[in-house]
């Protein structure tokens, strides 16, 4: 079986539509986790947690925390 990416997921012009899809998922609270294709690494995925989902506190627990360092070069 050949796996192909659904194109285009990385075009800047598509960002507003993708943001609307993500926002609709977040507001609907139908699922706790959303699996999305990586925009950087082909055939990899990212998993988004819906922090407002009713089951979030019951099923999502921090394992480890650390301070976040913001690199100003990314601005």
PDB file of N, CA and C in Angstrom:
ATOM      1  N   UNK A   1       0.840  -1.178   0.000  1.00  0.00           N
ATOM      2  CA  UNK A   1       0.000   0.000   0.000  1.00  0.00           C
ATOM      3  C   UNK A   1       0.887   1.245   0.000  1.00  0.00           C
ATOM      4  N   UNK A   2       0.563   2.201  -0.835  1.00  0.00           N
ATOM      5  CA  UNK A   2       1.297   3.450  -0.904  1.00  0.00           C
ATOM      6  C   UNK A   2       0.540   4.503  -0.112  1.00  0.00           C
ATOM      7  N   UNK A   3       1.265   5.220   0.727  1.00  0.00           N
ATOM      8  CA  UNK A   3       0.664   6.308   1.501  1.00  0.00           C
ATOM      9  C   UNK A   3       0.999   7.620   0.815  1.00  0.00           C
ATOM     10  N   UNK A   4      -0.021   8.417   0.595  1.00  0.00           N
ATOM     11  CA  UNK A   4       0.203   9.731   0.012  1.00  0.00           C
ATOM     12  C   UNK A   4      -0.360  10.790   0.933  1.00  0.00           C
ATOM     13  N   UNK A   5       0.324  11.913   0.974  1.00  0.00           N
ATOM     14  CA  UNK A   5      -0.180  13.051   1.735  1.00  0.00           C
ATOM     15  C   UNK A   5      -1.314  13.701   0.971  1.00  0.00           C
ATOM     16  N   UNK A   6      -2.269  14.182   1.711  1.00  0.00           N
ATOM     17  CA  UNK A   6      -3.319  14.981   1.096  1.00  0.00           C
ATOM     18  C   UNK A   6      -2.744  16.369   0.908  1.00  0.00           C
ATOM     19  N   UNK A   7      -2.730  16.853  -0.297  1.00  0.00           N
ATOM     20  CA  UNK A   7      -2.140  18.163  -0.583  1.00  0.00           C
ATOM     21  C   UNK A   7      -3.261  19.166  -0.791  1.00  0.00           C
ATOM     22  N   UNK A   8      -3.039  20.390  -0.575  1.00  0.00           N
ATOM     23  CA  UNK A   8      -1.870  21.007   0.038  1.00  0.00           C
ATOM     24  C   UNK A   8      -2.142  21.322   1.494  1.00  0.00           C
ATOM     25  N   UNK A   9      -1.281  20.934   2.367  1.00  0.00           N
ATOM     26  CA  UNK A   9      -1.444  21.239   3.786  1.00  0.00           C
ATOM     27  C   UNK A   9      -0.469  22.298   4.269  1.00  0.00           C
ATOM     28  N   UNK A  10       0.474  22.672   3.463  1.00  0.00           N
ATOM     29  CA  UNK A  10       1.491  23.612   3.919  1.00  0.00           C
ATOM     30  C   UNK A  10       1.436  24.949   3.191  1.00  0.00           C
ATOM     31  N   UNK A  11       0.482  25.135   2.301  1.00  0.00           N
ATOM     32  CA  UNK A  11       0.384  26.427   1.618  1.00  0.00           C
ATOM     33  C   UNK A  11      -0.179  27.461   2.581  1.00  0.00           C
ATOM     34  N   UNK A  12       0.439  28.616   2.631  1.00  0.00           N
ATOM     35  CA  UNK A  12      -0.017  29.684   3.519  1.00  0.00           C
ATOM     36  C   UNK A  12      -1.457  30.072   3.196  1.00  0.00           C
ATOM     37  N   UNK A  13      -1.838  30.008   1.941  1.00  0.00           N
ATOM     38  CA  UNK A  13      -3.203  30.372   1.545  1.00  0.00           C
ATOM     39  C   UNK A  13      -4.246  29.455   2.175  1.00  0.00           C
ATOM     40  N   UNK A  14      -3.850  28.255   2.567  1.00  0.00           N
ATOM     41  CA  UNK A  14      -4.787  27.306   3.164  1.00  0.00           C
ATOM     42  C   UNK A  14      -4.928  27.465   4.676  1.00  0.00           C
ATOM     43  N   UNK A  15      -4.090  28.260   5.301  1.00  0.00           N
ATOM     44  CA  UNK A  15      -4.110  28.398   6.754  1.00  0.00           C
ATOM     45  C   UNK A  15      -5.472  28.804   7.307  1.00  0.00           C
ATOM     46  N   UNK A  16      -6.145  29.814   6.746  1.00  0.00           N
ATOM     47  CA  UNK A  16      -7.444  30.190   7.326  1.00  0.00           C
ATOM     48  C   UNK A  16      -8.456  29.041   7.333  1.00  0.00           C
ATOM     49  N   UNK A  17      -8.519  28.277   6.258  1.00  0.00           N
ATOM     50  CA  UNK A  17      -9.460  27.144   6.214  1.00  0.00           C
ATOM     51  C   UNK A  17      -9.083  26.085   7.240  1.00  0.00           C
ATOM     52  N   UNK A  18      -7.790  25.814   7.377  1.00  0.00           N
ATOM     53  CA  UNK A  18      -7.345  24.831   8.358  1.00  0.00           C
ATOM     54  C   UNK A  18      -7.603  25.312   9.780  1.00  0.00           C
ATOM     55  N   UNK A  19      -7.426  26.605  10.013  1.00  0.00           N
ATOM     56  CA  UNK A  19      -7.701  27.164  11.334  1.00  0.00           C
ATOM     57  C   UNK A  19      -9.190  27.062  11.662  1.00  0.00           C
ATOM     58  N   UNK A  20     -10.043  27.275  10.678  1.00  0.00           N
ATOM     59  CA  UNK A  20     -11.492  27.129  10.903  1.00  0.00           C
ATOM     60  C   UNK A  20     -11.839  25.686  11.250  1.00  0.00           C
ATOM     61  N   UNK A  21     -11.227  24.734  10.563  1.00  0.00           N
ATOM     62  CA  UNK A  21     -11.472  23.320  10.875  1.00  0.00           C
ATOM     63  C   UNK A  21     -11.051  22.996  12.300  1.00  0.00           C
ATOM     64  N   UNK A  22      -9.861  23.460  12.686  1.00  0.00           N
ATOM     65  CA  UNK A  22      -9.374  23.214  14.042  1.00  0.00           C
ATOM     66  C   UNK A  22     -10.234  23.879  15.094  1.00  0.00           C
ATOM     67  N   UNK A  23     -10.660  25.095  14.827  1.00  0.00           N
ATOM     68  CA  UNK A  23     -11.522  25.803  15.779  1.00  0.00           C
ATOM     69  C   UNK A  23     -12.868  25.108  15.935  1.00  0.00           C
ATOM     70  N   UNK A  24     -13.430  24.633  14.826  1.00  0.00           N
ATOM     71  CA  UNK A  24     -14.709  23.922  14.892  1.00  0.00           C
ATOM     72  C   UNK A  24     -14.560  22.639  15.708  1.00  0.00           C
ATOM     73  N   UNK A  25     -13.438  21.928  15.525  1.00  0.00           N
ATOM     74  CA  UNK A  25     -13.188  20.711  16.314  1.00  0.00           C
ATOM     75  C   UNK A  25     -13.105  21.063  17.799  1.00  0.00           C
ATOM     76  N   UNK A  26     -12.376  22.113  18.117  1.00  0.00           N
ATOM     77  CA  UNK A  26     -12.174  22.511  19.506  1.00  0.00           C
ATOM     78  C   UNK A  26     -13.505  22.875  20.174  1.00  0.00           C
ATOM     79  N   UNK A  27     -14.304  23.658  19.496  1.00  0.00           N
ATOM     80  CA  UNK A  27     -15.577  24.121  20.061  1.00  0.00           C
ATOM     81  C   UNK A  27     -16.578  22.976  20.196  1.00  0.00           C
ATOM     82  N   UNK A  28     -16.603  22.057  19.234  1.00  0.00           N
ATOM     83  CA  UNK A  28     -17.569  20.959  19.269  1.00  0.00           C
ATOM     84  C   UNK A  28     -17.331  19.999  20.437  1.00  0.00           C
ATOM     85  N   UNK A  29     -16.097  19.863  20.888  1.00  0.00           N
ATOM     86  CA  UNK A  29     -15.731  19.001  22.017  1.00  0.00           C
ATOM     87  C   UNK A  29     -16.193  17.555  21.829  1.00  0.00           C
ATOM     88  N   UNK A  30     -16.229  17.079  20.586  1.00  0.00           N
ATOM     89  CA  UNK A  30     -16.668  15.706  20.331  1.00  0.00           C
ATOM     90  C   UNK A  30     -15.582  14.684  20.648  1.00  0.00           C
ATOM     91  N   UNK A  31     -14.325  15.058  20.459  1.00  0.00           N
ATOM     92  CA  UNK A  31     -13.218  14.147  20.748  1.00  0.00           C
ATOM     93  C   UNK A  31     -12.178  14.857  21.594  1.00  0.00           C
ATOM     94  N   UNK A  32     -11.492  14.075  22.402  1.00  0.00           N
ATOM     95  CA  UNK A  32     -10.456  14.612  23.274  1.00  0.00           C
ATOM     96  C   UNK A  32      -9.182  14.915  22.501  1.00  0.00           C
ATOM     97  N   UNK A  33      -8.881  14.103  21.478  1.00  0.00           N
ATOM     98  CA  UNK A  33      -7.617  14.227  20.737  1.00  0.00           C
ATOM     99  C   UNK A  33      -7.911  14.290  19.244  1.00  0.00           C
ATOM    100  N   UNK A  34      -7.148  15.133  18.542  1.00  0.00           N
ATOM    101  CA  UNK A  34      -7.244  15.242  17.093  1.00  0.00           C
ATOM    102  C   UNK A  34      -5.883  14.925  16.495  1.00  0.00           C
ATOM    103  N   UNK A  35      -5.831  13.938  15.609  1.00  0.00           N
ATOM    104  CA  UNK A  35      -4.602  13.554  14.918  1.00  0.00           C
ATOM    105  C   UNK A  35      -4.525  14.350  13.618  1.00  0.00           C
ATOM    106  N   UNK A  36      -3.439  15.109  13.443  1.00  0.00           N
ATOM    107  CA  UNK A  36      -3.277  15.935  12.242  1.00  0.00           C
ATOM    108  C   UNK A  36      -1.931  15.644  11.590  1.00  0.00           C
ATOM    109  N   UNK A  37      -1.867  15.706  10.269  1.00  0.00           N
ATOM    110  CA  UNK A  37      -0.594  15.473   9.589  1.00  0.00           C
ATOM    111  C   UNK A  37       0.399  16.578   9.912  1.00  0.00           C
ATOM    112  N   UNK A  38       1.652  16.212  10.049  1.00  0.00           N
ATOM    113  CA  UNK A  38       2.711  17.200  10.249  1.00  0.00           C
ATOM    114  C   UNK A  38       2.868  18.028   8.988  1.00  0.00           C
ATOM    115  N   UNK A  39       2.995  19.323   9.144  1.00  0.00           N
ATOM    116  CA  UNK A  39       3.243  20.200   7.999  1.00  0.00           C
ATOM    117  C   UNK A  39       4.722  20.226   7.652  1.00  0.00           C
ATOM    118  N   UNK A  40       5.564  19.632   8.483  1.00  0.00           N
ATOM    119  CA  UNK A  40       7.009  19.687   8.293  1.00  0.00           C
ATOM    120  C   UNK A  40       7.582  18.337   7.869  1.00  0.00           C
ATOM    121  N   UNK A  41       7.133  17.273   8.499  1.00  0.00           N
ATOM    122  CA  UNK A  41       7.718  15.949   8.257  1.00  0.00           C
ATOM    123  C   UNK A  41       6.682  15.044   7.587  1.00  0.00           C
ATOM    124  N   UNK A  42       6.922  14.664   6.345  1.00  0.00           N
ATOM    125  CA  UNK A  42       5.959  13.780   5.664  1.00  0.00           C
ATOM    126  C   UNK A  42       5.769  12.467   6.419  1.00  0.00           C
ATOM    127  N   UNK A  43       4.538  11.980   6.423  1.00  0.00           N
ATOM    128  CA  UNK A  43       4.167  10.699   7.038  1.00  0.00           C
ATOM    129  C   UNK A  43       4.282  10.702   8.555  1.00  0.00           C
ATOM    130  N   UNK A  44       4.390  11.873   9.163  1.00  0.00           N
ATOM    131  CA  UNK A  44       4.378  12.006  10.619  1.00  0.00           C
ATOM    132  C   UNK A  44       3.107  12.748  11.011  1.00  0.00           C
ATOM    133  N   UNK A  45       2.743  12.641  12.277  1.00  0.00           N
ATOM    134  CA  UNK A  45       1.519  13.266  12.763  1.00  0.00           C
ATOM    135  C   UNK A  45       1.762  13.997  14.074  1.00  0.00           C
ATOM    136  N   UNK A  46       0.898  14.951  14.348  1.00  0.00           N
ATOM    137  CA  UNK A  46       0.846  15.629  15.634  1.00  0.00           C
ATOM    138  C   UNK A  46      -0.519  15.332  16.243  1.00  0.00           C
ATOM    139  N   UNK A  47      -0.589  15.347  17.549  1.00  0.00           N
ATOM    140  CA  UNK A  47      -1.832  15.076  18.255  1.00  0.00           C
ATOM    141  C   UNK A  47      -2.181  16.296  19.096  1.00  0.00           C
ATOM    142  N   UNK A  48      -3.365  16.832  18.868  1.00  0.00           N
ATOM    143  CA  UNK A  48      -3.824  18.012  19.592  1.00  0.00           C
ATOM    144  C   UNK A  48      -4.790  17.579  20.680  1.00  0.00           C
ATOM    145  N   UNK A  49      -4.574  18.060  21.887  1.00  0.00           N
ATOM    146  CA  UNK A  49      -5.470  17.783  23.012  1.00  0.00           C
ATOM    147  C   UNK A  49      -6.468  18.916  23.147  1.00  0.00           C
ATOM    148  N   UNK A  50      -7.732  18.577  23.285  1.00  0.00           N
ATOM    149  CA  UNK A  50      -8.760  19.580  23.509  1.00  0.00           C
ATOM    150  C   UNK A  50      -8.890  19.795  25.013  1.00  0.00           C
ATOM    151  N   UNK A  51      -8.299  20.870  25.496  1.00  0.00           N
ATOM    152  CA  UNK A  51      -8.274  21.151  26.936  1.00  0.00           C
ATOM    153  C   UNK A  51      -9.650  21.483  27.503  1.00  0.00           C
ATOM    154  N   UNK A  52     -10.615  21.761  26.644  1.00  0.00           N
ATOM    155  CA  UNK A  52     -11.977  22.060  27.092  1.00  0.00           C
ATOM    156  C   UNK A  52     -12.899  20.843  27.027  1.00  0.00           C
ATOM    157  N   UNK A  53     -12.383  19.714  26.560  1.00  0.00           N
ATOM    158  CA  UNK A  53     -13.206  18.505  26.476  1.00  0.00           C
ATOM    159  C   UNK A  53     -13.558  18.036  27.889  1.00  0.00           C
ATOM    160  N   UNK A  54     -14.786  17.566  28.114  1.00  0.00           N
ATOM    161  CA  UNK A  54     -15.206  17.151  29.459  1.00  0.00           C
ATOM    162  C   UNK A  54     -14.316  16.070  30.095  1.00  0.00           C
ATOM    163  N   UNK A  55     -13.663  15.237  29.287  1.00  0.00           N
ATOM    164  CA  UNK A  55     -12.823  14.164  29.824  1.00  0.00           C
ATOM    165  C   UNK A  55     -11.357  14.542  29.981  1.00  0.00           C
ATOM    166  N   UNK A  56     -11.009  15.785  29.674  1.00  0.00           N
ATOM    167  CA  UNK A  56      -9.596  16.174  29.687  1.00  0.00           C
ATOM    168  C   UNK A  56      -8.934  15.904  31.040  1.00  0.00           C
ATOM    169  N   UNK A  57      -9.494  16.420  32.116  1.00  0.00           N
ATOM    170  CA  UNK A  57      -8.867  16.273  33.439  1.00  0.00           C
ATOM    171  C   UNK A  57      -8.773  14.816  33.889  1.00  0.00           C
ATOM    172  N   UNK A  58      -9.709  14.011  33.454  1.00  0.00           N
ATOM    173  CA  UNK A  58      -9.720  12.599  33.854  1.00  0.00           C
ATOM    174  C   UNK A  58      -8.675  11.782  33.080  1.00  0.00           C
ATOM    175  N   UNK A  59      -8.420  12.125  31.830  1.00  0.00           N
ATOM    176  CA  UNK A  59      -7.576  11.285  30.978  1.00  0.00           C
ATOM    177  C   UNK A  59      -6.203  11.854  30.660  1.00  0.00           C
ATOM    178  N   UNK A  60      -5.982  13.133  30.924  1.00  0.00           N
ATOM    179  CA  UNK A  60      -4.696  13.747  30.579  1.00  0.00           C
ATOM    180  C   UNK A  60      -4.020  14.216  31.862  1.00  0.00           C
ATOM    181  N   UNK A  61      -2.870  13.645  32.126  1.00  0.00           N
ATOM    182  CA  UNK A  61      -2.104  13.993  33.322  1.00  0.00           C
ATOM    183  C   UNK A  61      -0.673  14.351  32.919  1.00  0.00           C
ATOM    184  N   UNK A  62      -0.119  15.416  33.459  1.00  0.00           N
ATOM    185  CA  UNK A  62       1.275  15.741  33.135  1.00  0.00           C
ATOM    186  C   UNK A  62       2.221  14.680  33.698  1.00  0.00           C
ATOM    187  N   UNK A  63       3.199  14.332  32.905  1.00  0.00           N
ATOM    188  CA  UNK A  63       4.211  13.375  33.340  1.00  0.00           C
ATOM    189  C   UNK A  63       5.451  14.114  33.806  1.00  0.00           C
ATOM    190  N   UNK A  64       5.761  15.176  33.103  1.00  0.00           N
ATOM    191  CA  UNK A  64       6.952  15.960  33.418  1.00  0.00           C
ATOM    192  C   UNK A  64       6.727  17.384  32.918  1.00  0.00           C
ATOM    193  N   UNK A  65       7.162  18.359  33.664  1.00  0.00           N
ATOM    194  CA  UNK A  65       7.082  19.750  33.220  1.00  0.00           C
ATOM    195  C   UNK A  65       8.458  20.371  33.282  1.00  0.00           C
ATOM    196  N   UNK A  66       8.669  21.360  32.446  1.00  0.00           N
ATOM    197  CA  UNK A  66       9.927  22.103  32.471  1.00  0.00           C
ATOM    198  C   UNK A  66       9.656  23.502  31.966  1.00  0.00           C
ATOM    199  N   UNK A  67      10.523  24.430  32.331  1.00  0.00           N
ATOM    200  CA  UNK A  67      10.378  25.807  31.882  1.00  0.00           C
ATOM    201  C   UNK A  67      10.560  25.872  30.372  1.00  0.00           C
ATOM    202  N   UNK A  68       9.815  26.789  29.749  1.00  0.00           N
ATOM    203  CA  UNK A  68       9.904  26.967  28.312  1.00  0.00           C
ATOM    204  C   UNK A  68      10.813  28.139  28.013  1.00  0.00           C
ATOM    205  N   UNK A  69      11.726  27.953  27.095  1.00  0.00           N
ATOM    206  CA  UNK A  69      12.626  29.015  26.667  1.00  0.00           C
ATOM    207  C   UNK A  69      12.169  29.513  25.306  1.00  0.00           C
ATOM    208  N   UNK A  70      11.760  30.782  25.213  1.00  0.00           N
ATOM    209  CA  UNK A  70      11.345  31.355  23.949  1.00  0.00           C
ATOM    210  C   UNK A  70      12.561  31.954  23.259  1.00  0.00           C
ATOM    211  N   UNK A  71      12.802  31.521  22.055  1.00  0.00           N
ATOM    212  CA  UNK A  71      13.913  32.020  21.263  1.00  0.00           C
ATOM    213  C   UNK A  71      13.426  33.200  20.440  1.00  0.00           C
ATOM    214  N   UNK A  72      13.879  34.402  20.761  1.00  0.00           N
ATOM    215  CA  UNK A  72      13.431  35.618  20.075  1.00  0.00           C
ATOM    216  C   UNK A  72      13.758  35.624  18.588  1.00  0.00           C
ATOM    217  N   UNK A  73      14.662  34.774  18.153  1.00  0.00           N
ATOM    218  CA  UNK A  73      14.974  34.714  16.723  1.00  0.00           C
ATOM    219  C   UNK A  73      13.806  34.174  15.922  1.00  0.00           C
ATOM    220  N   UNK A  74      12.846  33.555  16.592  1.00  0.00           N
ATOM    221  CA  UNK A  74      11.694  32.995  15.889  1.00  0.00           C
ATOM    222  C   UNK A  74      10.638  34.039  15.578  1.00  0.00           C
ATOM    223  N   UNK A  75      10.791  35.230  16.121  1.00  0.00           N
ATOM    224  CA  UNK A  75       9.798  36.298  15.867  1.00  0.00           C
ATOM    225  C   UNK A  75       9.956  36.887  14.493  1.00  0.00           C
TER     226      UNK A  75
END
